[in-house]
Amino acid sequence: MQVQLRLEEAERTFDHLLRLDAECPEAKKARRRVMAKQLMQLGFSVEQSEAAALHYNSVKTAAESLTATRLSSSSALSEVFDSDDEEAMLTDCWSKSSTCSSSGRSSAHVLPVNSTSPPIAEQQNVDPLLDWKNPLHWPTLWVGNLGPATTEKIISQMFT
């Protein structure tokens, strides 16, 4: 957190310096480095961060663009992460009823909700639909540990 504040302060300082001398190459280069570091802290790769720092004037617009690119990228959406340990168990769970008796755990669509703790967005006083990192204003839902028998149609039916 302290590092992020220092990077934001450095960015403001270089912005001020560039307003005084718009042609200072050292200030331009240092500002791009600071922007790239801020973007890397947001989870973007070094290459993405450096390219966005060259192309955009602020970290916010660069992050919005990179996030939108990430959402529309077909390669990012087609990545599949399988757990070798749980693949067979989850296949059995999906083929049985809504609970998996062998593990005692509920299947993905019947997980209990802990109603005593507020959602993370409320804990941080952030509205996820107004968050600048969410350019399409979609509520977030993570669905994981899916077996190979799970299709897009099954997931769509669960959430409609």
N, C-alpha and C. Protein backbone atom coordinates (compact mmCIF):
# COMPACT_ATOMS: atom_id res chain seq x y z
N MET A 1 0.83 -1.19 0.00
CA MET A 1 0.00 0.00 0.00
C MET A 1 0.88 1.26 0.00
N GLN A 2 1.93 1.23 0.81
CA GLN A 2 2.84 2.37 0.90
C GLN A 2 3.53 2.60 -0.44
N VAL A 3 3.89 1.51 -1.11
CA VAL A 3 4.56 1.63 -2.41
C VAL A 3 3.62 2.28 -3.43
N GLN A 4 2.34 1.87 -3.41
CA GLN A 4 1.36 2.44 -4.34
C GLN A 4 1.23 3.94 -4.11
N LEU A 5 1.18 4.36 -2.86
CA LEU A 5 1.07 5.79 -2.56
C LEU A 5 2.29 6.55 -3.05
N ARG A 6 3.47 5.94 -2.88
CA ARG A 6 4.69 6.60 -3.35
C ARG A 6 4.71 6.71 -4.88
N LEU A 7 4.23 5.68 -5.55
CA LEU A 7 4.18 5.72 -7.02
C LEU A 7 3.20 6.78 -7.50
N GLU A 8 2.05 6.90 -6.83
CA GLU A 8 1.08 7.93 -7.20
C GLU A 8 1.66 9.32 -6.97
N GLU A 9 2.40 9.47 -5.87
CA GLU A 9 3.04 10.76 -5.58
C GLU A 9 4.10 11.07 -6.65
N ALA A 10 4.87 10.06 -7.04
CA ALA A 10 5.89 10.26 -8.07
C ALA A 10 5.24 10.63 -9.40
N GLU A 11 4.12 9.99 -9.73
CA GLU A 11 3.43 10.32 -10.98
C GLU A 11 2.95 11.77 -10.97
N ARG A 12 2.38 12.21 -9.85
CA ARG A 12 1.93 13.61 -9.74
C ARG A 12 3.11 14.57 -9.88
N THR A 13 4.23 14.22 -9.28
CA THR A 13 5.42 15.07 -9.35
C THR A 13 5.92 15.18 -10.79
N PHE A 14 5.99 14.06 -11.50
CA PHE A 14 6.44 14.11 -12.89
C PHE A 14 5.44 14.83 -13.78
N ASP A 15 4.14 14.70 -13.49
CA ASP A 15 3.13 15.45 -14.23
C ASP A 15 3.35 16.95 -14.06
N HIS A 16 3.63 17.36 -12.81
CA HIS A 16 3.88 18.78 -12.54
C HIS A 16 5.14 19.25 -13.27
N LEU A 17 6.18 18.44 -13.22
CA LEU A 17 7.43 18.78 -13.90
C LEU A 17 7.20 18.91 -15.41
N LEU A 18 6.40 18.02 -15.99
CA LEU A 18 6.14 18.08 -17.43
C LEU A 18 5.25 19.27 -17.80
N ARG A 19 4.44 19.74 -16.86
CA ARG A 19 3.68 20.97 -17.14
C ARG A 19 4.62 22.17 -17.19
N LEU A 20 5.69 22.13 -16.38
CA LEU A 20 6.67 23.22 -16.38
C LEU A 20 7.60 23.13 -17.59
N ASP A 21 8.01 21.91 -17.95
CA ASP A 21 8.90 21.71 -19.09
C ASP A 21 8.42 20.48 -19.86
N ALA A 22 7.58 20.70 -20.84
CA ALA A 22 6.94 19.60 -21.57
C ALA A 22 7.91 18.80 -22.42
N GLU A 23 9.09 19.30 -22.66
CA GLU A 23 10.04 18.61 -23.54
C GLU A 23 11.17 17.92 -22.78
N CYS A 24 11.06 17.76 -21.48
CA CYS A 24 12.12 17.13 -20.68
C CYS A 24 12.08 15.61 -20.89
N PRO A 25 13.05 15.05 -21.62
CA PRO A 25 13.01 13.61 -21.92
C PRO A 25 13.17 12.73 -20.68
N GLU A 26 13.97 13.18 -19.71
CA GLU A 26 14.17 12.39 -18.49
C GLU A 26 12.87 12.27 -17.70
N ALA A 27 12.12 13.37 -17.62
CA ALA A 27 10.85 13.35 -16.90
C ALA A 27 9.83 12.46 -17.60
N LYS A 28 9.81 12.51 -18.94
CA LYS A 28 8.88 11.66 -19.70
C LYS A 28 9.19 10.18 -19.46
N LYS A 29 10.48 9.86 -19.51
CA LYS A 29 10.90 8.47 -19.32
C LYS A 29 10.59 7.99 -17.90
N ALA A 30 10.89 8.83 -16.92
CA ALA A 30 10.63 8.46 -15.52
C ALA A 30 9.13 8.30 -15.26
N ARG A 31 8.32 9.17 -15.85
CA ARG A 31 6.86 9.08 -15.68
C ARG A 31 6.33 7.78 -16.28
N ARG A 32 6.85 7.40 -17.45
CA ARG A 32 6.44 6.14 -18.07
C ARG A 32 6.82 4.94 -17.20
N ARG A 33 8.01 5.00 -16.59
CA ARG A 33 8.43 3.92 -15.69
C ARG A 33 7.51 3.81 -14.49
N VAL A 34 7.14 4.96 -13.91
CA VAL A 34 6.24 4.98 -12.75
C VAL A 34 4.87 4.42 -13.14
N MET A 35 4.36 4.85 -14.29
CA MET A 35 3.06 4.34 -14.75
C MET A 35 3.12 2.83 -14.97
N ALA A 36 4.20 2.35 -15.57
CA ALA A 36 4.34 0.92 -15.83
C ALA A 36 4.38 0.14 -14.51
N LYS A 37 5.08 0.66 -13.51
CA LYS A 37 5.12 -0.02 -12.21
C LYS A 37 3.75 -0.07 -11.56
N GLN A 38 2.98 1.01 -11.69
CA GLN A 38 1.63 1.03 -11.13
C GLN A 38 0.75 -0.01 -11.83
N LEU A 39 0.88 -0.12 -13.14
CA LEU A 39 0.09 -1.10 -13.89
C LEU A 39 0.51 -2.53 -13.54
N MET A 40 1.81 -2.74 -13.33
CA MET A 40 2.27 -4.07 -12.93
C MET A 40 1.71 -4.44 -11.56
N GLN A 41 1.57 -3.46 -10.66
CA GLN A 41 0.98 -3.74 -9.36
C GLN A 41 -0.50 -4.08 -9.47
N LEU A 42 -1.13 -3.66 -10.55
CA LEU A 42 -2.53 -4.01 -10.79
C LEU A 42 -2.66 -5.40 -11.43
N GLY A 43 -1.53 -6.04 -11.73
CA GLY A 43 -1.56 -7.40 -12.23
C GLY A 43 -1.29 -7.58 -13.71
N PHE A 44 -0.90 -6.53 -14.39
CA PHE A 44 -0.60 -6.63 -15.81
C PHE A 44 0.86 -7.02 -16.00
N SER A 45 1.18 -7.62 -17.14
CA SER A 45 2.55 -8.05 -17.41
C SER A 45 3.44 -6.83 -17.67
N VAL A 46 4.74 -7.06 -17.63
CA VAL A 46 5.71 -5.99 -17.88
C VAL A 46 5.50 -5.42 -19.28
N GLU A 47 5.34 -6.30 -20.27
CA GLU A 47 5.18 -5.84 -21.65
C GLU A 47 3.90 -5.02 -21.82
N GLN A 48 2.79 -5.53 -21.25
CA GLN A 48 1.52 -4.80 -21.34
C GLN A 48 1.64 -3.43 -20.66
N SER A 49 2.26 -3.42 -19.48
CA SER A 49 2.37 -2.18 -18.71
C SER A 49 3.21 -1.14 -19.43
N GLU A 50 4.34 -1.57 -19.98
CA GLU A 50 5.21 -0.62 -20.68
C GLU A 50 4.55 -0.09 -21.95
N ALA A 51 3.87 -0.95 -22.68
CA ALA A 51 3.18 -0.51 -23.91
C ALA A 51 2.06 0.47 -23.58
N ALA A 52 1.30 0.18 -22.53
CA ALA A 52 0.20 1.06 -22.14
C ALA A 52 0.73 2.39 -21.61
N ALA A 53 1.85 2.37 -20.90
CA ALA A 53 2.44 3.60 -20.39
C ALA A 53 2.89 4.51 -21.53
N LEU A 54 3.34 3.92 -22.63
CA LEU A 54 3.73 4.71 -23.80
C LEU A 54 2.52 5.30 -24.51
N HIS A 55 1.42 4.57 -24.52
CA HIS A 55 0.26 4.95 -25.33
C HIS A 55 -0.73 5.86 -24.61
N TYR A 56 -0.88 5.71 -23.29
CA TYR A 56 -1.91 6.45 -22.55
C TYR A 56 -1.29 7.49 -21.63
N ASN A 57 -2.12 8.49 -21.27
CA ASN A 57 -1.63 9.59 -20.44
C ASN A 57 -1.86 9.39 -18.95
N SER A 58 -2.67 8.40 -18.57
CA SER A 58 -2.90 8.17 -17.15
C SER A 58 -2.99 6.68 -16.87
N VAL A 59 -2.72 6.31 -15.63
CA VAL A 59 -2.80 4.91 -15.22
C VAL A 59 -4.23 4.42 -15.34
N LYS A 60 -5.19 5.28 -15.00
CA LYS A 60 -6.59 4.88 -15.04
C LYS A 60 -7.02 4.49 -16.45
N THR A 61 -6.73 5.33 -17.44
CA THR A 61 -7.13 5.01 -18.81
C THR A 61 -6.37 3.80 -19.35
N ALA A 62 -5.10 3.68 -18.97
CA ALA A 62 -4.31 2.52 -19.40
C ALA A 62 -4.89 1.23 -18.82
N ALA A 63 -5.23 1.26 -17.52
CA ALA A 63 -5.80 0.08 -16.88
C ALA A 63 -7.16 -0.28 -17.46
N GLU A 64 -7.97 0.74 -17.75
CA GLU A 64 -9.28 0.49 -18.37
C GLU A 64 -9.11 -0.19 -19.72
N SER A 65 -8.19 0.31 -20.51
CA SER A 65 -7.95 -0.26 -21.83
C SER A 65 -7.42 -1.69 -21.74
N LEU A 66 -6.46 -1.90 -20.85
CA LEU A 66 -5.90 -3.24 -20.69
C LEU A 66 -6.95 -4.22 -20.17
N THR A 67 -7.80 -3.77 -19.27
CA THR A 67 -8.86 -4.63 -18.74
C THR A 67 -9.86 -4.97 -19.84
N ALA A 68 -10.24 -3.98 -20.63
CA ALA A 68 -11.17 -4.23 -21.73
C ALA A 68 -10.55 -5.19 -22.74
N THR A 69 -9.28 -5.02 -23.01
CA THR A 69 -8.58 -5.91 -23.93
C THR A 69 -8.54 -7.32 -23.37
N ARG A 70 -8.31 -7.42 -22.08
CA ARG A 70 -8.25 -8.72 -21.42
C ARG A 70 -9.60 -9.42 -21.49
N LEU A 71 -10.70 -8.65 -21.32
CA LEU A 71 -12.04 -9.23 -21.37
C LEU A 71 -12.40 -9.70 -22.77
N SER A 72 -11.97 -8.97 -23.78
CA SER A 72 -12.36 -9.31 -25.14
C SER A 72 -11.41 -10.30 -25.80
N SER A 73 -10.31 -10.57 -25.16
CA SER A 73 -9.32 -11.47 -25.74
C SER A 73 -9.82 -12.91 -25.72
N SER A 74 -9.89 -13.52 -26.87
CA SER A 74 -10.38 -14.90 -26.93
C SER A 74 -9.38 -15.87 -26.32
N SER A 75 -8.11 -15.56 -26.39
CA SER A 75 -7.12 -16.48 -25.81
C SER A 75 -7.22 -16.50 -24.30
N ALA A 76 -7.49 -15.36 -23.68
CA ALA A 76 -7.62 -15.33 -22.23
C ALA A 76 -8.87 -16.07 -21.78
N LEU A 77 -9.94 -16.00 -22.58
CA LEU A 77 -11.18 -16.66 -22.20
C LEU A 77 -11.12 -18.16 -22.44
N SER A 78 -10.23 -18.61 -23.30
CA SER A 78 -10.18 -20.03 -23.61
C SER A 78 -9.21 -20.80 -22.72
N GLU A 79 -8.50 -20.13 -21.83
CA GLU A 79 -7.59 -20.82 -20.94
C GLU A 79 -8.38 -21.67 -19.96
N VAL A 80 -7.91 -22.89 -19.74
CA VAL A 80 -8.56 -23.80 -18.81
C VAL A 80 -7.54 -24.22 -17.78
N PHE A 81 -7.90 -24.13 -16.52
CA PHE A 81 -7.03 -24.52 -15.43
C PHE A 81 -7.68 -25.69 -14.71
N ASP A 82 -7.12 -26.88 -14.85
CA ASP A 82 -7.68 -28.07 -14.23
C ASP A 82 -6.84 -28.48 -13.04
N SER A 83 -7.51 -28.98 -12.02
CA SER A 83 -6.85 -29.54 -10.86
C SER A 83 -6.87 -31.06 -11.02
N ASP A 84 -5.71 -31.68 -11.03
CA ASP A 84 -5.65 -33.12 -11.22
C ASP A 84 -6.32 -33.87 -10.07
N ASP A 85 -6.24 -33.33 -8.85
CA ASP A 85 -6.78 -34.01 -7.68
C ASP A 85 -8.30 -34.06 -7.67
N GLU A 86 -8.94 -33.02 -8.16
CA GLU A 86 -10.38 -32.91 -8.01
C GLU A 86 -11.16 -33.24 -9.28
N GLU A 87 -10.49 -33.47 -10.38
CA GLU A 87 -11.19 -33.66 -11.64
C GLU A 87 -12.14 -34.86 -11.59
N ALA A 88 -11.67 -36.00 -11.12
CA ALA A 88 -12.52 -37.20 -11.08
C ALA A 88 -13.66 -37.02 -10.09
N MET A 89 -13.37 -36.44 -8.93
CA MET A 89 -14.39 -36.24 -7.91
C MET A 89 -15.50 -35.32 -8.43
N LEU A 90 -15.13 -34.24 -9.11
CA LEU A 90 -16.13 -33.31 -9.61
C LEU A 90 -16.96 -33.91 -10.74
N THR A 91 -16.37 -34.76 -11.55
CA THR A 91 -17.14 -35.43 -12.59
C THR A 91 -18.21 -36.29 -11.96
N ASP A 92 -17.85 -37.00 -10.89
CA ASP A 92 -18.83 -37.82 -10.17
C ASP A 92 -19.91 -36.95 -9.55
N CYS A 93 -19.53 -35.81 -8.99
CA CYS A 93 -20.49 -34.92 -8.34
C CYS A 93 -21.51 -34.41 -9.35
N TRP A 94 -21.05 -34.05 -10.54
CA TRP A 94 -21.97 -33.51 -11.54
C TRP A 94 -22.92 -34.58 -12.04
N SER A 95 -22.48 -35.81 -12.11
CA SER A 95 -23.34 -36.86 -12.63
C SER A 95 -24.35 -37.35 -11.60
N LYS A 96 -24.12 -37.06 -10.30
CA LYS A 96 -25.05 -37.47 -9.24
C LYS A 96 -26.03 -36.35 -8.95
N SER A 97 -26.58 -36.37 -7.77
CA SER A 97 -27.53 -35.33 -7.37
C SER A 97 -26.80 -34.05 -7.04
N SER A 98 -27.48 -33.12 -6.36
CA SER A 98 -26.88 -31.80 -6.11
C SER A 98 -25.78 -31.82 -5.08
N THR A 99 -25.64 -32.90 -4.31
CA THR A 99 -24.52 -32.99 -3.37
C THR A 99 -23.69 -34.21 -3.68
N CYS A 100 -22.46 -34.13 -3.34
CA CYS A 100 -21.54 -35.23 -3.60
C CYS A 100 -21.33 -35.97 -2.29
N SER A 101 -21.87 -37.18 -2.17
CA SER A 101 -21.82 -37.89 -0.90
C SER A 101 -20.43 -38.39 -0.58
N SER A 102 -19.60 -38.61 -1.60
CA SER A 102 -18.28 -39.16 -1.34
C SER A 102 -17.38 -38.17 -0.62
N SER A 103 -17.56 -36.89 -0.84
CA SER A 103 -16.69 -35.90 -0.20
C SER A 103 -17.41 -35.11 0.87
N GLY A 104 -18.74 -35.17 0.89
CA GLY A 104 -19.49 -34.40 1.88
C GLY A 104 -19.61 -32.94 1.51
N ARG A 105 -19.09 -32.55 0.35
CA ARG A 105 -19.15 -31.15 -0.06
C ARG A 105 -20.28 -30.96 -1.04
N SER A 106 -20.81 -29.76 -1.08
CA SER A 106 -21.86 -29.45 -2.04
C SER A 106 -21.25 -29.23 -3.41
N SER A 107 -22.03 -29.48 -4.44
CA SER A 107 -21.55 -29.17 -5.78
C SER A 107 -21.58 -27.67 -5.98
N ALA A 108 -21.01 -27.20 -7.07
CA ALA A 108 -20.78 -25.76 -7.27
C ALA A 108 -22.05 -24.93 -7.22
N HIS A 109 -23.19 -25.45 -7.66
CA HIS A 109 -24.38 -24.63 -7.72
C HIS A 109 -25.22 -24.65 -6.45
N VAL A 110 -24.79 -25.37 -5.41
CA VAL A 110 -25.57 -25.43 -4.18
C VAL A 110 -24.72 -25.01 -2.98
N LEU A 111 -23.66 -24.28 -3.19
CA LEU A 111 -22.80 -23.88 -2.09
C LEU A 111 -23.55 -23.00 -1.10
N PRO A 112 -23.38 -23.24 0.20
CA PRO A 112 -24.06 -22.41 1.19
C PRO A 112 -23.46 -21.01 1.21
N VAL A 113 -24.29 -20.04 1.50
CA VAL A 113 -23.86 -18.65 1.57
C VAL A 113 -23.77 -18.24 3.02
N ASN A 114 -22.66 -17.65 3.41
CA ASN A 114 -22.49 -17.17 4.77
C ASN A 114 -23.16 -15.81 4.87
N SER A 115 -24.35 -15.78 5.45
CA SER A 115 -25.14 -14.55 5.46
C SER A 115 -24.73 -13.60 6.59
N THR A 116 -23.83 -14.03 7.47
CA THR A 116 -23.47 -13.16 8.59
C THR A 116 -22.41 -12.14 8.22
N SER A 117 -21.58 -12.41 7.24
CA SER A 117 -20.54 -11.45 6.88
C SER A 117 -20.96 -10.69 5.63
N PRO A 118 -20.74 -9.37 5.62
CA PRO A 118 -21.11 -8.57 4.44
C PRO A 118 -20.18 -8.89 3.28
N PRO A 119 -20.63 -8.67 2.04
CA PRO A 119 -19.78 -8.89 0.88
C PRO A 119 -18.52 -8.01 0.95
N ILE A 120 -17.50 -8.43 0.23
CA ILE A 120 -16.23 -7.70 0.24
C ILE A 120 -16.43 -6.26 -0.20
N ALA A 121 -17.28 -6.02 -1.19
CA ALA A 121 -17.50 -4.66 -1.67
C ALA A 121 -18.05 -3.78 -0.55
N GLU A 122 -18.93 -4.32 0.30
CA GLU A 122 -19.47 -3.53 1.40
C GLU A 122 -18.40 -3.28 2.46
N GLN A 123 -17.54 -4.28 2.69
CA GLN A 123 -16.49 -4.12 3.69
C GLN A 123 -15.53 -3.00 3.29
N GLN A 124 -15.30 -2.83 2.00
CA GLN A 124 -14.36 -1.81 1.53
C GLN A 124 -15.06 -0.55 1.07
N ASN A 125 -16.39 -0.48 1.21
CA ASN A 125 -17.19 0.67 0.77
C ASN A 125 -16.96 0.97 -0.71
N VAL A 126 -16.92 -0.07 -1.53
CA VAL A 126 -16.72 0.08 -2.96
C VAL A 126 -17.92 -0.54 -3.67
N ASP A 127 -18.51 0.21 -4.60
CA ASP A 127 -19.60 -0.34 -5.40
C ASP A 127 -18.98 -1.01 -6.62
N PRO A 128 -19.08 -2.36 -6.74
CA PRO A 128 -18.41 -3.04 -7.85
C PRO A 128 -18.93 -2.62 -9.21
N LEU A 129 -20.15 -2.10 -9.27
CA LEU A 129 -20.68 -1.67 -10.56
C LEU A 129 -20.15 -0.31 -10.99
N LEU A 130 -19.56 0.44 -10.04
CA LEU A 130 -18.99 1.74 -10.37
C LEU A 130 -17.46 1.71 -10.38
N ASP A 131 -16.88 0.55 -10.12
CA ASP A 131 -15.43 0.42 -10.06
C ASP A 131 -14.83 0.63 -11.45
N TRP A 132 -13.81 1.47 -11.57
CA TRP A 132 -13.21 1.77 -12.86
C TRP A 132 -12.49 0.57 -13.45
N LYS A 133 -12.18 -0.44 -12.63
CA LYS A 133 -11.55 -1.66 -13.14
C LYS A 133 -12.59 -2.59 -13.78
N ASN A 134 -13.87 -2.22 -13.69
CA ASN A 134 -14.96 -3.02 -14.23
C ASN A 134 -15.65 -2.20 -15.33
N PRO A 135 -15.01 -2.06 -16.52
CA PRO A 135 -15.53 -1.13 -17.54
C PRO A 135 -16.90 -1.50 -18.08
N LEU A 136 -17.27 -2.77 -18.03
CA LEU A 136 -18.57 -3.18 -18.55
C LEU A 136 -19.64 -3.20 -17.46
N HIS A 137 -19.25 -2.86 -16.24
CA HIS A 137 -20.16 -2.78 -15.08
C HIS A 137 -20.89 -4.09 -14.84
N TRP A 138 -20.18 -5.20 -14.95
CA TRP A 138 -20.76 -6.50 -14.68
C TRP A 138 -20.51 -6.88 -13.23
N PRO A 139 -21.50 -7.43 -12.54
CA PRO A 139 -21.22 -7.98 -11.21
C PRO A 139 -20.30 -9.20 -11.38
N THR A 140 -19.42 -9.41 -10.45
CA THR A 140 -18.42 -10.45 -10.57
C THR A 140 -18.89 -11.74 -9.92
N LEU A 141 -18.64 -12.84 -10.59
CA LEU A 141 -18.94 -14.16 -10.05
C LEU A 141 -17.86 -15.10 -10.54
N TRP A 142 -17.21 -15.80 -9.61
CA TRP A 142 -16.17 -16.74 -9.97
C TRP A 142 -16.76 -18.14 -9.89
N VAL A 143 -16.61 -18.91 -10.94
CA VAL A 143 -17.06 -20.29 -10.96
C VAL A 143 -15.82 -21.12 -11.25
N GLY A 144 -15.47 -21.99 -10.33
CA GLY A 144 -14.25 -22.77 -10.51
C GLY A 144 -14.45 -24.23 -10.19
N ASN A 145 -13.38 -24.99 -10.35
CA ASN A 145 -13.36 -26.41 -10.08
C ASN A 145 -14.44 -27.15 -10.87
N LEU A 146 -14.53 -26.86 -12.14
CA LEU A 146 -15.52 -27.50 -13.00
C LEU A 146 -14.88 -28.70 -13.69
N GLY A 147 -15.64 -29.76 -13.81
CA GLY A 147 -15.16 -30.96 -14.47
C GLY A 147 -15.33 -30.88 -15.96
N PRO A 148 -14.76 -31.82 -16.69
CA PRO A 148 -14.84 -31.79 -18.15
C PRO A 148 -16.27 -31.99 -18.67
N ALA A 149 -17.15 -32.57 -17.86
CA ALA A 149 -18.53 -32.77 -18.30
C ALA A 149 -19.36 -31.49 -18.24
N THR A 150 -18.83 -30.46 -17.59
CA THR A 150 -19.55 -29.20 -17.45
C THR A 150 -19.49 -28.42 -18.76
N THR A 151 -20.65 -28.03 -19.25
CA THR A 151 -20.70 -27.27 -20.49
C THR A 151 -21.18 -25.86 -20.20
N GLU A 152 -21.01 -24.99 -21.18
CA GLU A 152 -21.48 -23.62 -21.04
C GLU A 152 -22.99 -23.59 -20.85
N LYS A 153 -23.68 -24.52 -21.49
CA LYS A 153 -25.14 -24.59 -21.38
C LYS A 153 -25.56 -24.91 -19.94
N ILE A 154 -24.87 -25.82 -19.29
CA ILE A 154 -25.18 -26.17 -17.89
C ILE A 154 -24.99 -24.96 -16.99
N ILE A 155 -23.89 -24.25 -17.17
CA ILE A 155 -23.62 -23.07 -16.34
C ILE A 155 -24.66 -21.99 -16.60
N SER A 156 -25.01 -21.77 -17.85
CA SER A 156 -26.03 -20.77 -18.18
C SER A 156 -27.36 -21.10 -17.54
N GLN A 157 -27.74 -22.37 -17.54
CA GLN A 157 -29.00 -22.78 -16.93
C GLN A 157 -28.99 -22.55 -15.42
N MET A 158 -27.85 -22.72 -14.78
CA MET A 158 -27.76 -22.51 -13.33
C MET A 158 -27.95 -21.06 -12.94
N PHE A 159 -27.50 -20.14 -13.77
CA PHE A 159 -27.50 -18.73 -13.40
C PHE A 159 -28.55 -17.91 -14.14
N THR A 160 -29.52 -18.55 -14.78
CA THR A 160 -30.60 -17.79 -15.42
C THR A 160 -31.92 -18.12 -14.78
